Amino acid sequence: MLCINPNCIKPQNPDSSKYCQTCGSMLISLLGGQYRITRALGQGGFGKTYLAEDTRRRNSQCVVKQFAPEPGMKSNPGALQKATELFNEEAERLLQLEEHPQIPTLYAYFEENLPQAGNNQEIPYQYLVQQYIKGQTLQQELKAGPFSETKIRELLQDLLPVLDFIHQHKVIHRDIKPENIIRRDSDKKLVLIDFGVAKANTKTLLTRQGTSVGTAGYAPLEQMMQGIAYPASDLYSLAVTCIRLLTGCVPNGDGSDKLFNALEGCWVWRQNLPKGSNVSSELGAILDKLLETIAKNRYQSAAEVLKALNSPLSKGSQGGWGSQGGPTPPLSKGGQGGLTLPTFKFTTVTVNSRGQATSRTDKEAQYYRQNLGNGIFLDMVAIPEGKFQMGTPNSEPNRQDYEGPQHQVTVPSFYMAKY
């Protein structure tokens, strides 16, 4: 039997025990008169998570989250009170979110007193009971090797609608990472877990005291430095998740990160793709925009990312940027398709038959940088679609038969090397 005193250092006990052999607390056989705790799943600064059996659901498995802040929180009564309020509010939000099949269902929310060892005191703890998702996290899947572009696109197609749903309900996850995404065994759908509940909200409350929000190496600057989060913050974390799955590179325990150049403040994920793997320029551009440091420069909604991902421009090629070059992307027309390539400015000069300049016009063009391998990059300039008359009119002197009939030709857009 498991002791659920959050301060117990060795909670496992024989089934016949009535009191914990380590801390002396009374053991609870059925939490809430219904849930049999079987083992601990995890622990954070604001509570513990357990696997349990629901005796009123044919002993089906469920997850029990215990709200038990660390002792240091008790020295700040205001923060503790606010954290408790936010825990209650989060339970209400989860009730709204349970409508989505890729978010765990909330079964129960209640408070129960836990008898303490050596005295007659009882301490109240709050609990959330959620659906247990059987499957593997993406972090576990990564052990089999980095993901392909196809698998990343499938991930985005599966998760972006979930994020759009929670954002529409005014909820921000704040902690998207491979460990918090489970591929459900029953249907292989991705399920978003661990909404943080009071954890994220409490950290937001304590930000002024230097406590950050989210997971380092995944959360954007506004979360880690200011404790604030937007829908674009979740999208940033999702993009970081994607590049870590593409490269197989995760943050090191000492805080170093192979994918992030701290000196220049930029992600260097392309340089760390496995040898021989490719990521199309279209998907690369989408990920780059999601990874912008400034929140307003990112996509602002999951729906916006889906539009870019599903555009003909994005679907056109899946073999561009990578460890060994790749084909060129199709052009967007008039900025349509949800993906905007970078531009550069130039001047065109019109000359007469004597080579004298008659006019100058400032223009700009789209381009992308193609990796040819071995540290060689080539700027490819977008040449827009155009039309011209081919052939000569019948009235042309000395006209040959093969020069007609005169007709209009449309040249589709293409790329040409800048130099």
Protein backbone atom coordinates (compact mmCIF):
# COMPACT_ATOMS: atom_id res chain seq x y z
CA MET A 1 0.00 0.00 0.00
CA LEU A 2 1.28 3.44 -0.88
CA CYS A 3 1.53 6.30 1.61
CA ILE A 4 0.27 9.54 0.05
CA ASN A 5 1.83 11.85 2.60
CA PRO A 6 3.71 14.14 0.16
CA ASN A 7 6.61 14.45 2.60
CA CYS A 8 7.16 10.71 3.04
CA ILE A 9 10.55 9.66 1.68
CA LYS A 10 9.74 5.91 1.43
CA PRO A 11 5.99 5.56 0.78
CA GLN A 12 5.78 1.85 -0.17
CA ASN A 13 4.25 -0.38 2.54
CA PRO A 14 2.95 -3.96 2.88
CA ASP A 15 -0.72 -4.32 1.93
CA SER A 16 -1.59 -5.33 5.49
CA SER A 17 -0.23 -2.10 7.02
CA LYS A 18 -2.56 0.49 8.53
CA TYR A 19 0.15 3.04 9.15
CA CYS A 20 3.17 4.01 7.07
CA GLN A 21 6.29 2.24 8.31
CA THR A 22 8.40 5.27 7.37
CA CYS A 23 6.48 8.40 8.41
CA GLY A 24 3.75 6.88 10.61
CA SER A 25 0.87 8.48 8.71
CA MET A 26 -2.41 6.61 8.48
CA LEU A 27 -2.67 4.79 5.14
CA ILE A 28 -5.73 5.45 3.02
CA SER A 29 -7.01 2.37 1.20
CA LEU A 30 -9.44 4.26 -1.04
CA LEU A 31 -8.89 7.94 -1.70
CA GLY A 32 -12.22 9.70 -1.91
CA GLY A 33 -13.79 6.35 -1.08
CA GLN A 34 -13.15 5.32 -4.68
CA TYR A 35 -9.54 5.52 -5.89
CA ARG A 36 -6.91 2.93 -4.94
CA ILE A 37 -3.42 4.42 -5.32
CA THR A 38 -1.04 1.89 -6.92
CA ARG A 39 2.18 3.77 -7.63
CA ALA A 40 3.73 7.21 -7.97
CA LEU A 41 4.13 8.59 -11.49
CA GLY A 42 5.97 11.82 -10.82
CA GLN A 43 6.64 14.72 -8.50
CA GLY A 44 7.06 18.46 -8.95
CA GLY A 45 7.39 21.55 -6.80
CA PHE A 46 3.62 21.79 -6.40
CA GLY A 47 2.49 18.23 -5.88
CA LYS A 48 2.62 14.56 -6.80
CA THR A 49 0.99 12.45 -9.49
CA TYR A 50 -0.15 8.87 -8.92
CA LEU A 51 -1.50 5.98 -10.94
CA ALA A 52 -4.69 4.64 -9.37
CA GLU A 53 -7.56 2.21 -9.88
CA ASP A 54 -11.14 3.48 -9.96
CA THR A 55 -13.14 0.93 -7.98
CA ARG A 56 -16.40 2.30 -9.35
CA ARG A 57 -15.23 1.89 -12.95
CA ARG A 58 -14.30 -1.79 -12.82
CA ASN A 59 -10.86 -0.91 -11.44
CA SER A 60 -9.97 1.01 -14.60
CA GLN A 61 -6.75 2.98 -14.37
CA CYS A 62 -6.75 6.73 -13.78
CA VAL A 63 -4.32 9.48 -12.81
CA VAL A 64 -4.58 11.27 -9.46
CA LYS A 65 -2.87 14.63 -9.03
CA GLN A 66 -2.31 15.81 -5.47
CA PHE A 67 -1.90 19.52 -4.88
CA ALA A 68 0.83 19.65 -2.23
CA PRO A 69 3.09 22.71 -2.51
CA GLU A 70 6.62 22.50 -1.16
CA PRO A 71 7.12 23.67 2.45
CA GLY A 72 8.70 26.92 1.25
CA MET A 73 5.37 27.99 -0.21
CA LYS A 74 3.84 28.08 3.26
CA SER A 75 6.05 31.03 4.16
CA ASN A 76 4.11 33.08 1.61
CA PRO A 77 0.43 32.85 2.68
CA GLY A 78 -0.73 35.16 -0.09
CA ALA A 79 0.90 33.06 -2.78
CA LEU A 80 -0.43 29.84 -1.24
CA GLN A 81 -3.98 31.20 -1.11
CA LYS A 82 -3.78 32.41 -4.70
CA ALA A 83 -2.34 29.08 -5.83
CA THR A 84 -5.27 27.27 -4.25
CA GLU A 85 -7.74 29.57 -5.99
CA LEU A 86 -6.01 28.98 -9.31
CA PHE A 87 -6.12 25.23 -8.73
CA ASN A 88 -9.90 25.49 -8.41
CA GLU A 89 -10.15 27.64 -11.52
CA GLU A 90 -7.98 25.23 -13.50
CA ALA A 91 -10.29 22.36 -12.58
CA GLU A 92 -13.16 24.33 -14.10
CA ARG A 93 -11.16 24.90 -17.28
CA LEU A 94 -10.34 21.21 -17.56
CA LEU A 95 -14.05 20.44 -17.38
CA GLN A 96 -14.51 22.58 -20.48
CA LEU A 97 -11.54 21.02 -22.27
CA GLU A 98 -12.68 17.44 -21.72
CA GLU A 99 -14.91 17.83 -24.77
CA HIS A 100 -11.81 17.23 -26.91
CA PRO A 101 -10.87 13.56 -27.43
CA GLN A 102 -7.13 14.37 -27.37
CA ILE A 103 -7.22 15.90 -23.90
CA PRO A 104 -7.56 13.63 -20.84
CA THR A 105 -11.03 13.64 -19.30
CA LEU A 106 -11.39 15.10 -15.80
CA TYR A 107 -13.20 12.52 -13.65
CA ALA A 108 -13.26 14.22 -10.27
CA TYR A 109 -12.04 17.14 -8.20
CA PHE A 110 -12.24 17.02 -4.40
CA GLU A 111 -10.55 17.78 -1.09
CA GLU A 112 -9.73 15.16 1.53
CA ASN A 113 -8.06 15.33 4.93
CA LEU A 114 -4.90 13.31 5.48
CA PRO A 115 -4.31 12.21 9.13
CA GLN A 116 -0.82 13.10 10.34
CA ALA A 117 1.54 10.87 12.27
CA GLY A 118 1.93 11.34 16.04
CA ASN A 119 -1.04 13.69 16.56
CA ASN A 120 -4.73 14.04 15.91
CA GLN A 121 -4.29 16.70 13.26
CA GLU A 122 -5.52 16.31 9.72
CA ILE A 123 -4.23 18.32 6.78
CA PRO A 124 -6.55 18.93 3.81
CA TYR A 125 -5.21 18.23 0.33
CA GLN A 126 -6.86 18.81 -3.01
CA TYR A 127 -6.98 16.20 -5.75
CA LEU A 128 -7.72 16.02 -9.45
CA VAL A 129 -8.57 12.67 -11.02
CA GLN A 130 -8.03 12.33 -14.75
CA GLN A 131 -8.23 9.74 -17.49
CA TYR A 132 -5.11 7.58 -17.82
CA ILE A 133 -3.68 7.57 -21.35
CA LYS A 134 -1.94 4.31 -22.21
CA GLY A 135 0.86 4.84 -24.68
CA GLN A 136 4.34 6.24 -25.18
CA THR A 137 5.45 9.84 -24.90
CA LEU A 138 7.27 11.38 -27.84
CA GLN A 139 10.35 11.52 -25.61
CA GLN A 140 10.19 7.74 -25.36
CA GLU A 141 9.65 7.42 -29.12
CA LEU A 142 12.73 9.56 -29.75
CA LYS A 143 14.90 6.78 -28.29
CA ALA A 144 14.27 4.87 -31.54
CA GLY A 145 15.86 7.70 -33.53
CA PRO A 146 15.12 11.19 -34.91
CA PHE A 147 11.80 11.84 -36.64
CA SER A 148 11.44 12.29 -40.40
CA GLU A 149 9.79 15.35 -41.95
CA THR A 150 6.75 13.24 -42.79
CA LYS A 151 6.38 12.26 -39.14
CA ILE A 152 6.77 15.89 -38.01
CA ARG A 153 4.12 17.04 -40.47
CA GLU A 154 1.78 14.35 -39.14
CA LEU A 155 2.54 15.53 -35.60
CA LEU A 156 1.64 19.12 -36.49
CA GLN A 157 -1.52 18.09 -38.31
CA ASP A 158 -2.56 16.12 -35.23
CA LEU A 159 -1.65 18.59 -32.48
CA LEU A 160 -2.38 22.01 -33.97
CA PRO A 161 -6.18 21.48 -33.86
CA VAL A 162 -5.81 20.54 -30.18
CA LEU A 163 -3.92 23.75 -29.45
CA ASP A 164 -6.47 25.75 -31.42
CA PHE A 165 -9.20 24.21 -29.26
CA ILE A 166 -7.58 25.02 -25.92
CA HIS A 167 -6.63 28.53 -27.03
CA GLN A 168 -10.22 29.16 -28.11
CA HIS A 169 -11.16 28.25 -24.54
CA LYS A 170 -8.70 30.85 -23.19
CA VAL A 171 -6.30 28.22 -21.84
CA ILE A 172 -2.56 28.22 -22.54
CA HIS A 173 -0.69 25.00 -21.87
CA ARG A 174 2.69 26.64 -21.06
CA ASP A 175 4.68 23.40 -20.99
CA ILE A 176 4.60 21.71 -24.38
CA LYS A 177 7.48 19.28 -24.81
CA PRO A 178 7.95 15.64 -25.91
CA GLU A 179 7.34 14.34 -22.38
CA ASN A 180 3.87 15.93 -22.34
CA ILE A 181 2.67 14.43 -25.62
CA ILE A 182 1.53 10.79 -25.60
CA ARG A 183 0.77 8.66 -28.63
CA ARG A 184 -2.28 6.72 -27.52
CA ASP A 185 -1.98 2.97 -28.09
CA SER A 186 -5.61 2.47 -29.07
CA ASP A 187 -5.73 4.79 -32.10
CA LYS A 188 -2.19 6.27 -32.40
CA LYS A 189 -3.58 9.77 -31.89
CA LEU A 190 -1.46 12.29 -30.00
CA VAL A 191 -2.80 13.36 -26.61
CA LEU A 192 -1.69 16.53 -24.83
CA ILE A 193 -1.19 15.93 -21.12
CA ASP A 194 -0.05 17.77 -17.98
CA PHE A 195 -1.67 21.18 -18.18
CA GLY A 196 0.28 22.18 -15.11
CA VAL A 197 -2.85 23.10 -13.18
CA ALA A 198 -1.74 25.18 -10.18
CA LYS A 199 1.91 24.61 -11.04
CA ALA A 200 2.00 26.97 -14.01
CA ASN A 201 -0.35 29.48 -12.48
CA THR A 202 1.55 29.58 -9.21
CA LYS A 203 4.82 30.13 -11.03
CA THR A 204 3.18 32.98 -12.92
CA LEU A 205 2.24 34.49 -9.58
CA LEU A 206 5.81 34.23 -8.29
CA THR A 207 7.55 35.50 -11.40
CA ARG A 208 8.44 38.82 -9.78
CA GLN A 209 10.49 36.85 -7.26
CA GLY A 210 12.52 35.29 -10.04
CA THR A 211 10.58 32.06 -10.61
CA SER A 212 10.33 31.14 -14.29
CA VAL A 213 7.47 29.52 -16.15
CA GLY A 214 7.73 26.48 -18.39
CA THR A 215 10.65 24.19 -19.18
CA ALA A 216 14.04 25.66 -20.06
CA GLY A 217 15.03 24.68 -23.57
CA TYR A 218 11.39 24.67 -24.72
CA ALA A 219 9.67 27.78 -23.34
CA PRO A 220 10.11 31.16 -25.08
CA LEU A 221 11.77 34.19 -23.57
CA GLU A 222 8.54 35.86 -22.43
CA GLN A 223 7.72 32.85 -20.25
CA MET A 224 11.18 32.33 -18.80
CA MET A 225 11.93 36.00 -18.15
CA GLN A 226 8.52 37.59 -17.55
CA GLY A 227 6.26 34.71 -16.61
CA ILE A 228 3.68 35.64 -19.25
CA ALA A 229 2.38 33.46 -22.06
CA TYR A 230 0.33 33.84 -25.22
CA PRO A 231 -1.01 31.32 -27.75
CA ALA A 232 2.16 32.12 -29.72
CA SER A 233 4.16 30.93 -26.70
CA ASP A 234 2.65 27.46 -26.96
CA LEU A 235 3.35 27.49 -30.71
CA TYR A 236 6.99 28.36 -30.02
CA SER A 237 7.31 25.40 -27.64
CA LEU A 238 5.68 23.13 -30.23
CA ALA A 239 8.26 24.24 -32.82
CA VAL A 240 11.10 23.57 -30.38
CA THR A 241 9.61 20.13 -29.81
CA CYS A 242 9.65 19.56 -33.58
CA ILE A 243 13.29 20.53 -34.10
CA ARG A 244 14.39 18.39 -31.16
CA LEU A 245 12.53 15.42 -32.62
CA LEU A 246 14.03 16.12 -36.06
CA THR A 247 17.59 16.29 -34.74
CA GLY A 248 17.44 14.03 -31.71
CA CYS A 249 19.14 16.80 -29.68
CA VAL A 250 17.68 17.62 -26.26
CA PRO A 251 18.93 20.07 -23.60
CA ASN A 252 21.82 18.81 -21.50
CA GLY A 253 21.64 18.52 -17.74
CA ASP A 254 24.24 21.28 -17.33
CA GLY A 255 22.07 23.77 -19.21
CA SER A 256 24.02 23.62 -22.47
CA ASP A 257 22.10 23.14 -25.70
CA LYS A 258 23.53 21.97 -29.01
CA LEU A 259 20.59 23.43 -30.96
CA PHE A 260 20.75 26.96 -29.57
CA ASN A 261 23.61 29.39 -30.17
CA ALA A 262 23.52 31.44 -26.97
CA LEU A 263 26.18 33.86 -28.23
CA GLU A 264 24.09 34.91 -31.22
CA GLY A 265 20.71 34.13 -29.68
CA CYS A 266 19.49 31.89 -32.51
CA TRP A 267 18.52 28.29 -33.20
CA VAL A 268 20.98 26.24 -35.27
CA TRP A 269 18.88 23.15 -35.82
CA ARG A 270 19.63 22.71 -39.55
CA GLN A 271 23.33 22.23 -38.83
CA ASN A 272 22.44 19.38 -36.47
CA LEU A 273 20.14 17.35 -38.70
CA PRO A 274 21.27 13.71 -39.03
CA LYS A 275 23.52 13.09 -42.01
CA GLY A 276 21.51 12.38 -45.14
CA SER A 277 18.22 13.73 -43.77
CA ASN A 278 16.38 16.65 -45.34
CA VAL A 279 13.80 19.16 -44.23
CA SER A 280 11.97 21.00 -46.98
CA SER A 281 12.44 24.73 -47.26
CA GLU A 282 8.67 25.15 -46.78
CA LEU A 283 8.52 23.36 -43.44
CA GLY A 284 11.82 24.97 -42.44
CA ALA A 285 10.39 28.44 -43.02
CA ILE A 286 7.29 27.60 -40.97
CA LEU A 287 9.42 26.37 -38.07
CA ASP A 288 11.68 29.42 -38.30
CA LYS A 289 8.70 31.76 -38.01
CA LEU A 290 7.37 29.84 -35.02
CA LEU A 291 10.81 30.14 -33.38
CA GLU A 292 11.03 33.93 -33.65
CA THR A 293 12.29 35.46 -30.40
CA ILE A 294 9.71 38.26 -30.43
CA ALA A 295 6.21 36.86 -29.87
CA LYS A 296 4.46 39.23 -32.30
CA ASN A 297 6.72 38.04 -35.14
CA ARG A 298 5.47 34.45 -34.83
CA TYR A 299 2.27 32.90 -36.12
CA GLN A 300 -0.40 34.10 -33.72
CA SER A 301 -2.74 31.11 -33.83
CA ALA A 302 -2.66 27.38 -34.45
CA ALA A 303 -5.16 27.88 -37.28
CA GLU A 304 -2.70 30.21 -38.99
CA VAL A 305 0.04 27.58 -38.81
CA LEU A 306 -2.30 24.92 -40.19
CA LYS A 307 -3.15 27.18 -43.12
CA ALA A 308 0.54 27.60 -43.92
CA LEU A 309 1.21 23.90 -43.47
CA ASN A 310 -1.65 22.88 -45.77
CA SER A 311 -0.98 25.42 -48.51
CA PRO A 312 0.15 24.15 -51.94
CA LEU A 313 3.42 25.98 -51.31
CA SER A 314 4.11 23.99 -48.17
CA LYS A 315 3.04 20.67 -49.67
CA GLY A 316 5.00 21.11 -52.87
CA SER A 317 8.32 19.62 -51.75
CA GLN A 318 9.73 17.70 -48.83
CA GLY A 319 13.40 17.63 -49.63
CA GLY A 320 14.88 21.12 -49.39
CA TRP A 321 16.96 22.36 -46.49
CA GLY A 322 18.91 19.61 -44.88
CA SER A 323 22.29 18.17 -44.27
CA GLN A 324 22.95 17.78 -48.01
CA GLY A 325 21.13 20.44 -50.03
CA GLY A 326 17.88 19.62 -51.84
CA PRO A 327 15.41 20.82 -54.46
CA THR A 328 14.01 24.33 -54.67
CA PRO A 329 10.57 25.26 -53.31
CA PRO A 330 7.65 26.38 -55.50
CA LEU A 331 6.92 30.09 -55.37
CA SER A 332 4.05 31.74 -53.57
CA LYS A 333 1.86 33.98 -55.66
CA GLY A 334 1.27 37.44 -54.33
CA GLY A 335 2.06 36.34 -50.81
CA GLN A 336 -0.68 33.70 -50.83
CA GLY A 337 -0.32 30.28 -49.28
CA GLY A 338 0.61 31.38 -45.76
CA LEU A 339 4.42 31.31 -46.24
CA THR A 340 6.45 34.46 -46.86
CA LEU A 341 10.06 34.13 -47.98
CA PRO A 342 12.62 36.84 -47.10
CA THR A 343 13.17 39.62 -49.65
CA PHE A 344 16.04 41.81 -50.84
CA LYS A 345 15.99 45.13 -52.70
CA PHE A 346 17.64 45.91 -56.03
CA THR A 347 17.55 48.48 -58.85
CA THR A 348 16.70 47.75 -62.49
CA VAL A 349 18.19 49.95 -65.22
CA THR A 350 16.71 50.44 -68.70
CA VAL A 351 19.19 51.38 -71.43
CA ASN A 352 18.81 52.51 -75.04
CA SER A 353 20.53 51.09 -78.11
CA ARG A 354 23.66 53.06 -77.28
CA GLY A 355 23.86 51.58 -73.77
CA GLN A 356 22.78 54.78 -72.05
CA ALA A 357 20.56 54.49 -68.97
CA THR A 358 17.08 55.87 -69.63
CA SER A 359 15.37 54.91 -66.36
CA ARG A 360 15.98 53.33 -62.97
CA THR A 361 13.41 51.48 -60.87
CA ASP A 362 13.76 50.20 -57.30
CA LYS A 363 12.27 46.72 -56.80
CA GLU A 364 12.44 43.77 -54.44
CA ALA A 365 12.35 39.99 -54.85
CA GLN A 366 11.91 36.91 -52.70
CA TYR A 367 14.76 34.49 -52.18
CA TYR A 368 15.79 31.51 -50.13
CA ARG A 369 19.18 30.12 -49.18
CA GLN A 370 19.93 26.59 -50.36
CA ASN A 371 22.43 24.45 -48.47
CA LEU A 372 24.69 22.71 -51.00
CA GLY A 373 26.67 20.94 -48.30
CA ASN A 374 30.24 21.38 -47.06
CA GLY A 375 29.43 24.87 -45.78
CA ILE A 376 28.40 26.17 -49.22
CA PHE A 377 25.16 28.15 -49.51
CA LEU A 378 23.48 29.55 -52.62
CA ASP A 379 20.98 32.43 -52.67
CA MET A 380 18.17 31.50 -55.07
CA VAL A 381 16.12 34.47 -56.30
CA ALA A 382 12.43 34.13 -57.11
CA ILE A 383 11.60 35.08 -60.70
CA PRO A 384 7.86 35.81 -60.85
CA GLU A 385 5.48 34.40 -63.41
CA GLY A 386 5.29 36.43 -66.64
CA LYS A 387 3.92 36.53 -70.20
CA PHE A 388 5.40 37.46 -73.58
CA GLN A 389 4.56 37.23 -77.26
CA MET A 390 6.39 34.44 -79.10
CA GLY A 391 6.79 34.44 -82.87
CA THR A 392 6.60 37.20 -85.46
CA PRO A 393 3.55 38.81 -87.06
CA ASN A 394 2.63 37.88 -90.62
CA SER A 395 3.61 41.40 -91.74
CA GLU A 396 7.24 40.93 -90.62
CA PRO A 397 9.66 41.30 -93.60
CA ASN A 398 11.56 38.13 -94.47
CA ARG A 399 9.42 36.18 -92.00
CA GLN A 400 10.05 32.41 -91.95
CA ASP A 401 7.24 29.87 -91.59
CA TYR A 402 8.69 28.45 -88.38
CA GLU A 403 8.32 31.89 -86.73
CA GLY A 404 4.55 31.61 -86.50
CA PRO A 405 1.86 31.63 -85.58
CA GLN A 406 2.46 34.45 -83.12
CA HIS A 407 1.07 33.56 -79.71
CA GLN A 408 1.25 34.48 -76.04
CA VAL A 409 3.40 32.33 -73.75
CA THR A 410 3.14 32.18 -69.96
CA VAL A 411 6.35 31.38 -68.10
CA PRO A 412 5.70 29.97 -64.62
CA SER A 413 7.63 31.31 -61.66
CA PHE A 414 11.07 29.83 -61.04
CA TYR A 415 14.30 30.37 -59.10
CA MET A 416 17.65 31.56 -60.42
CA ALA A 417 20.97 31.83 -58.61
CA LYS A 418 21.64 35.39 -57.44
CA TYR A 419 25.25 35.47 -58.63
